[in-house]
Amino acid sequence: MVPANSVLSRCCDKIMNIPTDEEFSQLIGQAVDELPEKYTSKLSNVLITYEDEPTPDQRKKLGLGCNQSLFGLYEGIPLPARVGRGSGGVVHLQLPDKITLFKLPLFHYANGNEEKFKAQIKHTLWHEIAHYFGLDHDRIHQLEQLNTNALQ
């Protein structure tokens, strides 16, 4: 019998439990550490956090249908759009920008495969950081097509 919080991986019959919040937080930390420093060192006043799933309000705001998933969300003012920037690129009297990764959609997408889960966390984090730097979806997808090693 497979536990209710597990998914049976089709490729190797390996069961991966849904990670605890602490485990997911550690996986996000590993992903940050694996991303190129040329991106992560320039992050300023950005909170990276997680939730199980997007809120109904977030889904509505983004126009997501009931069959659509959301792996991550950047909320803030993209770096190129900021005015009145202080030293170090911090906007004074500004709440931090926020990148949220959504654990359950990421987990279900990976279908129980731990490596796919980790890779998608890293990819989603890179994608949301790209939004922080002002890239839109079209430009992000162009970069992904041009450079399959964009995350290395």
C-alpha atoms as a PDB file:
ATOM      1  CA  MET A   1       0.000   0.000   0.000  1.00  0.00           C
ATOM      2  CA  VAL A   2       1.264   3.456  -0.941  1.00  0.00           C
ATOM      3  CA  PRO A   3       0.955   6.155   1.760  1.00  0.00           C
ATOM      4  CA  ALA A   4      -1.532   8.929   0.959  1.00  0.00           C
ATOM      5  CA  ASN A   5       1.219  11.572   0.887  1.00  0.00           C
ATOM      6  CA  SER A   6       3.309   9.653  -1.652  1.00  0.00           C
ATOM      7  CA  VAL A   7       3.451   9.371  -5.400  1.00  0.00           C
ATOM      8  CA  LEU A   8       4.602   6.218  -7.133  1.00  0.00           C
ATOM      9  CA  SER A   9       7.193   7.082  -9.750  1.00  0.00           C
ATOM     10  CA  ARG A  10       6.460   5.423 -13.073  1.00  0.00           C
ATOM     11  CA  CYS A  11      10.085   5.222 -14.145  1.00  0.00           C
ATOM     12  CA  CYS A  12      11.616   3.295 -11.304  1.00  0.00           C
ATOM     13  CA  ASP A  13       8.815   2.380  -8.864  1.00  0.00           C
ATOM     14  CA  LYS A  14      10.443   4.580  -6.239  1.00  0.00           C
ATOM     15  CA  ILE A  15       8.112   6.188  -3.722  1.00  0.00           C
ATOM     16  CA  MET A  16       8.885   9.787  -2.792  1.00  0.00           C
ATOM     17  CA  ASN A  17       6.958  11.331   0.070  1.00  0.00           C
ATOM     18  CA  ILE A  18       5.792  14.895  -0.132  1.00  0.00           C
ATOM     19  CA  PRO A  19       8.598  16.765   1.619  1.00  0.00           C
ATOM     20  CA  THR A  20       8.007  18.444   4.934  1.00  0.00           C
ATOM     21  CA  ASP A  21       8.246  22.216   5.033  1.00  0.00           C
ATOM     22  CA  GLU A  22      11.737  21.925   6.515  1.00  0.00           C
ATOM     23  CA  GLU A  23      12.853  19.531   3.762  1.00  0.00           C
ATOM     24  CA  PHE A  24      11.355  21.759   1.060  1.00  0.00           C
ATOM     25  CA  SER A  25      13.077  24.800   2.550  1.00  0.00           C
ATOM     26  CA  GLN A  26      16.392  22.911   2.424  1.00  0.00           C
ATOM     27  CA  LEU A  27      15.792  21.970  -1.232  1.00  0.00           C
ATOM     28  CA  ILE A  28      15.150  25.629  -2.060  1.00  0.00           C
ATOM     29  CA  GLY A  29      18.374  26.570  -0.261  1.00  0.00           C
ATOM     30  CA  GLN A  30      20.271  23.961  -2.283  1.00  0.00           C
ATOM     31  CA  ALA A  31      18.767  25.331  -5.498  1.00  0.00           C
ATOM     32  CA  VAL A  32      19.835  28.880  -4.591  1.00  0.00           C
ATOM     33  CA  ASP A  33      23.353  27.613  -3.882  1.00  0.00           C
ATOM     34  CA  GLU A  34      23.467  25.825  -7.257  1.00  0.00           C
ATOM     35  CA  LEU A  35      22.365  28.829  -9.311  1.00  0.00           C
ATOM     36  CA  PRO A  36      25.139  30.940 -10.837  1.00  0.00           C
ATOM     37  CA  GLU A  37      26.481  33.560  -8.471  1.00  0.00           C
ATOM     38  CA  LYS A  38      26.224  36.124 -11.277  1.00  0.00           C
ATOM     39  CA  TYR A  39      22.443  36.011 -10.653  1.00  0.00           C
ATOM     40  CA  THR A  40      22.148  35.353  -6.939  1.00  0.00           C
ATOM     41  CA  SER A  41      24.774  37.881  -5.832  1.00  0.00           C
ATOM     42  CA  LYS A  42      22.732  40.682  -7.408  1.00  0.00           C
ATOM     43  CA  LEU A  43      19.524  39.865  -5.535  1.00  0.00           C
ATOM     44  CA  SER A  44      18.728  42.640  -3.100  1.00  0.00           C
ATOM     45  CA  ASN A  45      15.725  43.022  -0.809  1.00  0.00           C
ATOM     46  CA  VAL A  46      14.117  39.780  -2.077  1.00  0.00           C
ATOM     47  CA  LEU A  47      12.352  37.262   0.138  1.00  0.00           C
ATOM     48  CA  ILE A  48      12.376  33.691  -1.180  1.00  0.00           C
ATOM     49  CA  THR A  49       9.631  31.693   0.457  1.00  0.00           C
ATOM     50  CA  TYR A  50       7.210  28.837  -0.190  1.00  0.00           C
ATOM     51  CA  GLU A  51       3.602  27.809   0.225  1.00  0.00           C
ATOM     52  CA  ASP A  52       1.827  24.541  -0.407  1.00  0.00           C
ATOM     53  CA  GLU A  53      -0.281  26.014  -3.214  1.00  0.00           C
ATOM     54  CA  PRO A  54      -1.180  29.399  -4.660  1.00  0.00           C
ATOM     55  CA  THR A  55      -4.048  31.150  -2.936  1.00  0.00           C
ATOM     56  CA  PRO A  56      -7.397  31.515  -4.725  1.00  0.00           C
ATOM     57  CA  ASP A  57      -6.659  35.249  -4.946  1.00  0.00           C
ATOM     58  CA  GLN A  58      -3.290  34.625  -6.638  1.00  0.00           C
ATOM     59  CA  ARG A  59      -4.885  32.201  -9.085  1.00  0.00           C
ATOM     60  CA  LYS A  60      -7.658  34.681  -9.895  1.00  0.00           C
ATOM     61  CA  LYS A  61      -5.210  37.584 -10.301  1.00  0.00           C
ATOM     62  CA  LEU A  62      -3.189  35.525 -12.809  1.00  0.00           C
ATOM     63  CA  GLY A  63      -6.278  34.236 -14.611  1.00  0.00           C
ATOM     64  CA  LEU A  64      -5.422  30.578 -13.984  1.00  0.00           C
ATOM     65  CA  GLY A  65      -8.002  27.950 -14.810  1.00  0.00           C
ATOM     66  CA  CYS A  66      -8.740  25.029 -12.505  1.00  0.00           C
ATOM     67  CA  ASN A  67      -6.563  22.698 -14.627  1.00  0.00           C
ATOM     68  CA  GLN A  68      -3.551  25.031 -14.665  1.00  0.00           C
ATOM     69  CA  SER A  69      -0.610  24.760 -12.285  1.00  0.00           C
ATOM     70  CA  LEU A  70       1.617  27.464 -10.883  1.00  0.00           C
ATOM     71  CA  PHE A  71       5.092  26.485  -9.704  1.00  0.00           C
ATOM     72  CA  GLY A  72       6.340  29.886  -8.626  1.00  0.00           C
ATOM     73  CA  LEU A  73       5.423  33.540  -8.441  1.00  0.00           C
ATOM     74  CA  TYR A  74       7.456  36.757  -8.424  1.00  0.00           C
ATOM     75  CA  GLU A  75       5.756  39.681  -6.715  1.00  0.00           C
ATOM     76  CA  GLY A  76       7.493  43.027  -6.676  1.00  0.00           C
ATOM     77  CA  ILE A  77       8.965  45.762  -8.785  1.00  0.00           C
ATOM     78  CA  PRO A  78      11.392  44.386 -11.385  1.00  0.00           C
ATOM     79  CA  LEU A  79      14.863  45.865 -11.030  1.00  0.00           C
ATOM     80  CA  PRO A  80      14.814  47.887 -14.294  1.00  0.00           C
ATOM     81  CA  ALA A  81      11.500  49.528 -13.339  1.00  0.00           C
ATOM     82  CA  ARG A  82      12.711  50.894 -10.023  1.00  0.00           C
ATOM     83  CA  VAL A  83      13.224  54.593  -9.531  1.00  0.00           C
ATOM     84  CA  GLY A  84      14.762  56.364  -6.583  1.00  0.00           C
ATOM     85  CA  ARG A  85      17.181  53.519  -6.068  1.00  0.00           C
ATOM     86  CA  GLY A  86      19.433  53.925  -3.058  1.00  0.00           C
ATOM     87  CA  SER A  87      22.885  52.519  -2.536  1.00  0.00           C
ATOM     88  CA  GLY A  88      23.245  48.848  -3.348  1.00  0.00           C
ATOM     89  CA  GLY A  89      20.091  48.790  -5.450  1.00  0.00           C
ATOM     90  CA  VAL A  90      17.737  48.792  -2.427  1.00  0.00           C
ATOM     91  CA  VAL A  91      14.589  50.833  -2.795  1.00  0.00           C
ATOM     92  CA  HIS A  92      14.221  52.672   0.482  1.00  0.00           C
ATOM     93  CA  LEU A  93      10.934  52.319   2.356  1.00  0.00           C
ATOM     94  CA  GLN A  94      10.017  49.446   0.069  1.00  0.00           C
ATOM     95  CA  LEU A  95       8.831  46.057   1.263  1.00  0.00           C
ATOM     96  CA  PRO A  96      10.979  43.240  -0.075  1.00  0.00           C
ATOM     97  CA  ASP A  97      10.120  41.685  -3.387  1.00  0.00           C
ATOM     98  CA  LYS A  98       8.846  38.155  -2.935  1.00  0.00           C
ATOM     99  CA  ILE A  99       9.482  34.926  -4.798  1.00  0.00           C
ATOM    100  CA  THR A 100       7.158  32.120  -3.738  1.00  0.00           C
ATOM    101  CA  LEU A 101       7.628  28.496  -4.769  1.00  0.00           C
ATOM    102  CA  PHE A 102       4.583  26.242  -4.548  1.00  0.00           C
ATOM    103  CA  LYS A 103       5.458  22.860  -3.104  1.00  0.00           C
ATOM    104  CA  LEU A 104       2.491  20.704  -4.119  1.00  0.00           C
ATOM    105  CA  PRO A 105       2.282  21.685  -7.815  1.00  0.00           C
ATOM    106  CA  LEU A 106       6.059  21.171  -8.106  1.00  0.00           C
ATOM    107  CA  PHE A 107       5.824  17.815  -6.351  1.00  0.00           C
ATOM    108  CA  HIS A 108       2.947  16.557  -8.470  1.00  0.00           C
ATOM    109  CA  TYR A 109       4.663  17.687 -11.681  1.00  0.00           C
ATOM    110  CA  ALA A 110       7.697  15.578 -10.733  1.00  0.00           C
ATOM    111  CA  ASN A 111       5.447  12.550 -10.347  1.00  0.00           C
ATOM    112  CA  GLY A 112       7.443  11.194  -7.436  1.00  0.00           C
ATOM    113  CA  ASN A 113      10.828  11.492  -9.141  1.00  0.00           C
ATOM    114  CA  GLU A 114      13.214  13.160  -6.692  1.00  0.00           C
ATOM    115  CA  GLU A 115      15.705  14.361  -9.323  1.00  0.00           C
ATOM    116  CA  LYS A 116      12.944  15.837 -11.487  1.00  0.00           C
ATOM    117  CA  PHE A 117      11.509  17.536  -8.385  1.00  0.00           C
ATOM    118  CA  LYS A 118      14.870  19.114  -7.498  1.00  0.00           C
ATOM    119  CA  ALA A 119      15.488  20.168 -11.098  1.00  0.00           C
ATOM    120  CA  GLN A 120      12.061  21.806 -11.351  1.00  0.00           C
ATOM    121  CA  ILE A 121      12.600  23.683  -8.070  1.00  0.00           C
ATOM    122  CA  LYS A 122      15.876  25.052  -9.451  1.00  0.00           C
ATOM    123  CA  HIS A 123      14.345  25.895 -12.822  1.00  0.00           C
ATOM    124  CA  THR A 124      11.346  27.631 -11.241  1.00  0.00           C
ATOM    125  CA  LEU A 125      13.576  29.627  -8.919  1.00  0.00           C
ATOM    126  CA  TRP A 126      15.744  30.733 -11.870  1.00  0.00           C
ATOM    127  CA  HIS A 127      12.591  31.680 -13.801  1.00  0.00           C
ATOM    128  CA  GLU A 128      11.257  33.840 -10.946  1.00  0.00           C
ATOM    129  CA  ILE A 129      14.664  35.475 -10.407  1.00  0.00           C
ATOM    130  CA  ALA A 130      14.652  36.340 -14.122  1.00  0.00           C
ATOM    131  CA  HIS A 131      11.392  38.238 -13.527  1.00  0.00           C
ATOM    132  CA  TYR A 132      13.144  40.162 -10.736  1.00  0.00           C
ATOM    133  CA  PHE A 133      15.729  41.244 -13.322  1.00  0.00           C
ATOM    134  CA  GLY A 134      12.904  42.436 -15.591  1.00  0.00           C
ATOM    135  CA  LEU A 135      12.668  39.578 -18.076  1.00  0.00           C
ATOM    136  CA  ASP A 136       9.223  38.679 -19.362  1.00  0.00           C
ATOM    137  CA  HIS A 137       8.100  35.154 -20.262  1.00  0.00           C
ATOM    138  CA  ASP A 138       8.975  35.534 -23.940  1.00  0.00           C
ATOM    139  CA  ARG A 139      12.557  36.583 -23.149  1.00  0.00           C
ATOM    140  CA  ILE A 140      12.948  33.853 -20.516  1.00  0.00           C
ATOM    141  CA  HIS A 141      11.814  31.219 -23.014  1.00  0.00           C
ATOM    142  CA  GLN A 142      14.165  32.634 -25.672  1.00  0.00           C
ATOM    143  CA  LEU A 143      17.085  32.340 -23.270  1.00  0.00           C
ATOM    144  CA  GLU A 144      16.079  28.792 -22.381  1.00  0.00           C
ATOM    145  CA  GLN A 145      15.985  27.856 -26.079  1.00  0.00           C
ATOM    146  CA  LEU A 146      19.339  29.504 -26.780  1.00  0.00           C
ATOM    147  CA  ASN A 147      21.096  28.140 -23.760  1.00  0.00           C
ATOM    148  CA  THR A 148      20.000  24.807 -22.392  1.00  0.00           C
ATOM    149  CA  ASN A 149      22.683  25.303 -19.746  1.00  0.00           C
ATOM    150  CA  ALA A 150      21.220  28.607 -18.532  1.00  0.00           C
ATOM    151  CA  LEU A 151      20.982  27.238 -15.005  1.00  0.00           C
ATOM    152  CA  GLN A 152      24.617  26.173 -14.811  1.00  0.00           C
END
